[in-house]
Amino acid sequence: MQRVGFILKVKQDRIEEYKEHHRHVWQEMREALSRSGWHNYSLFMGEDGLLFGYVETEEGLAAALAKMDQEPINAKWQEMMAPFFEGIAGLPPDKAMYELEEVFHLD
């Protein structure tokens, strides 16, 4: 299992709305993530909108994202979420994730 951390930046004026959407993630989206090998997926956000994501996958983030690309619900979710983010240059949010290098893990 590979552990992956990534960051994105939510627009300051959209933080509460973003949080609300994530309190009610569509069941179909949850099922697609599970089918695509996303385990222990969590999102954390600072007051400034800096978003840190954590996920465990069998094959790494690129493979997990490729599997999600095969899920029709993913395109709908990404389109809905795109306006919430800063600096993604017109990309779907899942294509703008900045993957972080793991430098320590306590087993």
C-alpha atoms as a PDB file:
ATOM      1  CA  MET A   1       0.000   0.000   0.000  1.00  0.00           C
ATOM      2  CA  GLN A   2       1.354   3.419  -0.953  1.00  0.00           C
ATOM      3  CA  ARG A   3       0.601   6.484   1.163  1.00  0.00           C
ATOM      4  CA  VAL A   4       0.053   9.693  -0.793  1.00  0.00           C
ATOM      5  CA  GLY A   5      -0.225  13.280   0.373  1.00  0.00           C
ATOM      6  CA  PHE A   6      -1.266  16.140  -1.879  1.00  0.00           C
ATOM      7  CA  ILE A   7      -2.268  19.781  -1.646  1.00  0.00           C
ATOM      8  CA  LEU A   8      -4.694  22.124  -3.368  1.00  0.00           C
ATOM      9  CA  LYS A   9      -5.914  25.609  -2.434  1.00  0.00           C
ATOM     10  CA  VAL A  10      -9.602  26.374  -1.892  1.00  0.00           C
ATOM     11  CA  LYS A  11     -10.665  29.968  -2.554  1.00  0.00           C
ATOM     12  CA  GLN A  12     -11.128  31.833   0.720  1.00  0.00           C
ATOM     13  CA  ASP A  13     -14.691  32.882  -0.092  1.00  0.00           C
ATOM     14  CA  ARG A  14     -15.723  29.301  -0.990  1.00  0.00           C
ATOM     15  CA  ILE A  15     -14.364  27.425   2.060  1.00  0.00           C
ATOM     16  CA  GLU A  16     -17.661  26.931   3.895  1.00  0.00           C
ATOM     17  CA  GLU A  17     -19.481  25.871   0.741  1.00  0.00           C
ATOM     18  CA  TYR A  18     -16.662  23.435  -0.080  1.00  0.00           C
ATOM     19  CA  LYS A  19     -16.923  21.925   3.400  1.00  0.00           C
ATOM     20  CA  GLU A  20     -20.687  21.586   3.030  1.00  0.00           C
ATOM     21  CA  HIS A  21     -20.315  19.681  -0.252  1.00  0.00           C
ATOM     22  CA  HIS A  22     -17.907  17.309   1.462  1.00  0.00           C
ATOM     23  CA  ARG A  23     -20.332  16.648   4.309  1.00  0.00           C
ATOM     24  CA  HIS A  24     -22.631  15.219   1.631  1.00  0.00           C
ATOM     25  CA  VAL A  25     -20.380  13.506  -0.934  1.00  0.00           C
ATOM     26  CA  TRP A  26     -22.611  11.641  -3.365  1.00  0.00           C
ATOM     27  CA  GLN A  27     -22.902   7.936  -2.572  1.00  0.00           C
ATOM     28  CA  GLU A  28     -22.099   7.135  -6.210  1.00  0.00           C
ATOM     29  CA  MET A  29     -18.844   9.099  -5.880  1.00  0.00           C
ATOM     30  CA  ARG A  30     -17.952   7.296  -2.645  1.00  0.00           C
ATOM     31  CA  GLU A  31     -18.535   3.943  -4.340  1.00  0.00           C
ATOM     32  CA  ALA A  32     -16.421   4.961  -7.359  1.00  0.00           C
ATOM     33  CA  LEU A  33     -13.526   5.951  -5.092  1.00  0.00           C
ATOM     34  CA  SER A  34     -13.710   2.611  -3.308  1.00  0.00           C
ATOM     35  CA  ARG A  35     -13.854   0.663  -6.584  1.00  0.00           C
ATOM     36  CA  SER A  36     -10.849   2.644  -7.824  1.00  0.00           C
ATOM     37  CA  GLY A  37      -8.688   1.642  -4.871  1.00  0.00           C
ATOM     38  CA  TRP A  38      -8.834   4.787  -2.740  1.00  0.00           C
ATOM     39  CA  HIS A  39      -8.378   3.755   0.920  1.00  0.00           C
ATOM     40  CA  ASN A  40      -8.240   5.885   4.070  1.00  0.00           C
ATOM     41  CA  TYR A  41      -8.944   8.945   1.930  1.00  0.00           C
ATOM     42  CA  SER A  42      -9.059  12.100   4.049  1.00  0.00           C
ATOM     43  CA  LEU A  43      -9.065  15.834   3.428  1.00  0.00           C
ATOM     44  CA  PHE A  44      -7.808  18.433   5.905  1.00  0.00           C
ATOM     45  CA  MET A  45      -8.082  22.205   5.492  1.00  0.00           C
ATOM     46  CA  GLY A  46      -6.488  25.213   7.142  1.00  0.00           C
ATOM     47  CA  GLU A  47      -8.308  28.471   7.810  1.00  0.00           C
ATOM     48  CA  ASP A  48      -6.662  29.949   4.702  1.00  0.00           C
ATOM     49  CA  GLY A  49      -8.097  27.247   2.407  1.00  0.00           C
ATOM     50  CA  LEU A  50      -4.919  25.195   2.086  1.00  0.00           C
ATOM     51  CA  LEU A  51      -6.199  21.679   1.528  1.00  0.00           C
ATOM     52  CA  PHE A  52      -4.134  18.620   2.391  1.00  0.00           C
ATOM     53  CA  GLY A  53      -5.321  15.272   1.087  1.00  0.00           C
ATOM     54  CA  TYR A  54      -4.189  11.840   2.200  1.00  0.00           C
ATOM     55  CA  VAL A  55      -4.963   8.556   0.494  1.00  0.00           C
ATOM     56  CA  GLU A  56      -3.598   5.034   0.485  1.00  0.00           C
ATOM     57  CA  THR A  57      -3.576   3.160  -2.823  1.00  0.00           C
ATOM     58  CA  GLU A  58      -2.205  -0.112  -4.111  1.00  0.00           C
ATOM     59  CA  GLU A  59      -0.482   1.414  -7.148  1.00  0.00           C
ATOM     60  CA  GLY A  60       0.069   5.094  -6.337  1.00  0.00           C
ATOM     61  CA  LEU A  61      -1.804   8.288  -7.080  1.00  0.00           C
ATOM     62  CA  ALA A  62      -1.443   8.239 -10.870  1.00  0.00           C
ATOM     63  CA  ALA A  63      -2.974   4.767 -11.107  1.00  0.00           C
ATOM     64  CA  ALA A  64      -5.779   5.659  -8.672  1.00  0.00           C
ATOM     65  CA  LEU A  65      -6.575   8.788 -10.694  1.00  0.00           C
ATOM     66  CA  ALA A  66      -6.548   6.798 -13.941  1.00  0.00           C
ATOM     67  CA  LYS A  67      -9.082   4.380 -12.483  1.00  0.00           C
ATOM     68  CA  MET A  68     -11.282   7.289 -11.408  1.00  0.00           C
ATOM     69  CA  ASP A  69     -11.133   8.626 -14.979  1.00  0.00           C
ATOM     70  CA  GLN A  70     -13.098   5.513 -15.974  1.00  0.00           C
ATOM     71  CA  GLU A  71     -15.921   6.415 -13.584  1.00  0.00           C
ATOM     72  CA  PRO A  72     -18.562   8.660 -15.237  1.00  0.00           C
ATOM     73  CA  ILE A  73     -19.507  10.237 -11.887  1.00  0.00           C
ATOM     74  CA  ASN A  74     -15.963  11.563 -11.467  1.00  0.00           C
ATOM     75  CA  ALA A  75     -16.224  13.998 -14.391  1.00  0.00           C
ATOM     76  CA  LYS A  76     -19.451  15.413 -12.899  1.00  0.00           C
ATOM     77  CA  TRP A  77     -17.870  15.815  -9.456  1.00  0.00           C
ATOM     78  CA  GLN A  78     -14.691  17.417 -10.818  1.00  0.00           C
ATOM     79  CA  GLU A  79     -16.715  19.884 -12.905  1.00  0.00           C
ATOM     80  CA  MET A  80     -18.761  20.866  -9.854  1.00  0.00           C
ATOM     81  CA  MET A  81     -15.648  21.270  -7.666  1.00  0.00           C
ATOM     82  CA  ALA A  82     -13.413  23.162 -10.135  1.00  0.00           C
ATOM     83  CA  PRO A  83     -14.732  26.671  -9.256  1.00  0.00           C
ATOM     84  CA  PHE A  84     -13.718  26.185  -5.622  1.00  0.00           C
ATOM     85  CA  PHE A  85      -9.962  26.081  -6.274  1.00  0.00           C
ATOM     86  CA  GLU A  86      -7.218  28.654  -6.807  1.00  0.00           C
ATOM     87  CA  GLY A  87      -4.430  28.174  -9.298  1.00  0.00           C
ATOM     88  CA  ILE A  88      -5.627  25.125 -11.187  1.00  0.00           C
ATOM     89  CA  ALA A  89      -5.468  26.848 -14.588  1.00  0.00           C
ATOM     90  CA  GLY A  90      -8.687  25.392 -15.964  1.00  0.00           C
ATOM     91  CA  LEU A  91      -7.765  21.823 -15.026  1.00  0.00           C
ATOM     92  CA  PRO A  92     -10.138  19.493 -13.208  1.00  0.00           C
ATOM     93  CA  PRO A  93      -9.093  19.533  -9.536  1.00  0.00           C
ATOM     94  CA  ASP A  94      -7.969  15.905  -9.627  1.00  0.00           C
ATOM     95  CA  LYS A  95      -5.486  16.808 -12.382  1.00  0.00           C
ATOM     96  CA  ALA A  96      -4.123  19.788 -10.419  1.00  0.00           C
ATOM     97  CA  MET A  97      -3.225  17.975  -7.204  1.00  0.00           C
ATOM     98  CA  TYR A  98       0.335  18.691  -6.142  1.00  0.00           C
ATOM     99  CA  GLU A  99       1.674  15.398  -4.814  1.00  0.00           C
ATOM    100  CA  LEU A 100       3.985  15.675  -1.820  1.00  0.00           C
ATOM    101  CA  GLU A 101       7.008  13.501  -1.168  1.00  0.00           C
ATOM    102  CA  GLU A 102       6.773  11.355   1.950  1.00  0.00           C
ATOM    103  CA  VAL A 103       9.866  12.014   4.038  1.00  0.00           C
ATOM    104  CA  PHE A 104       8.992  10.125   7.233  1.00  0.00           C
ATOM    105  CA  HIS A 105       6.560   7.473   8.372  1.00  0.00           C
ATOM    106  CA  LEU A 106       6.457   5.935  11.855  1.00  0.00           C
ATOM    107  CA  ASP A 107       5.526   2.282  11.559  1.00  0.00           C
END
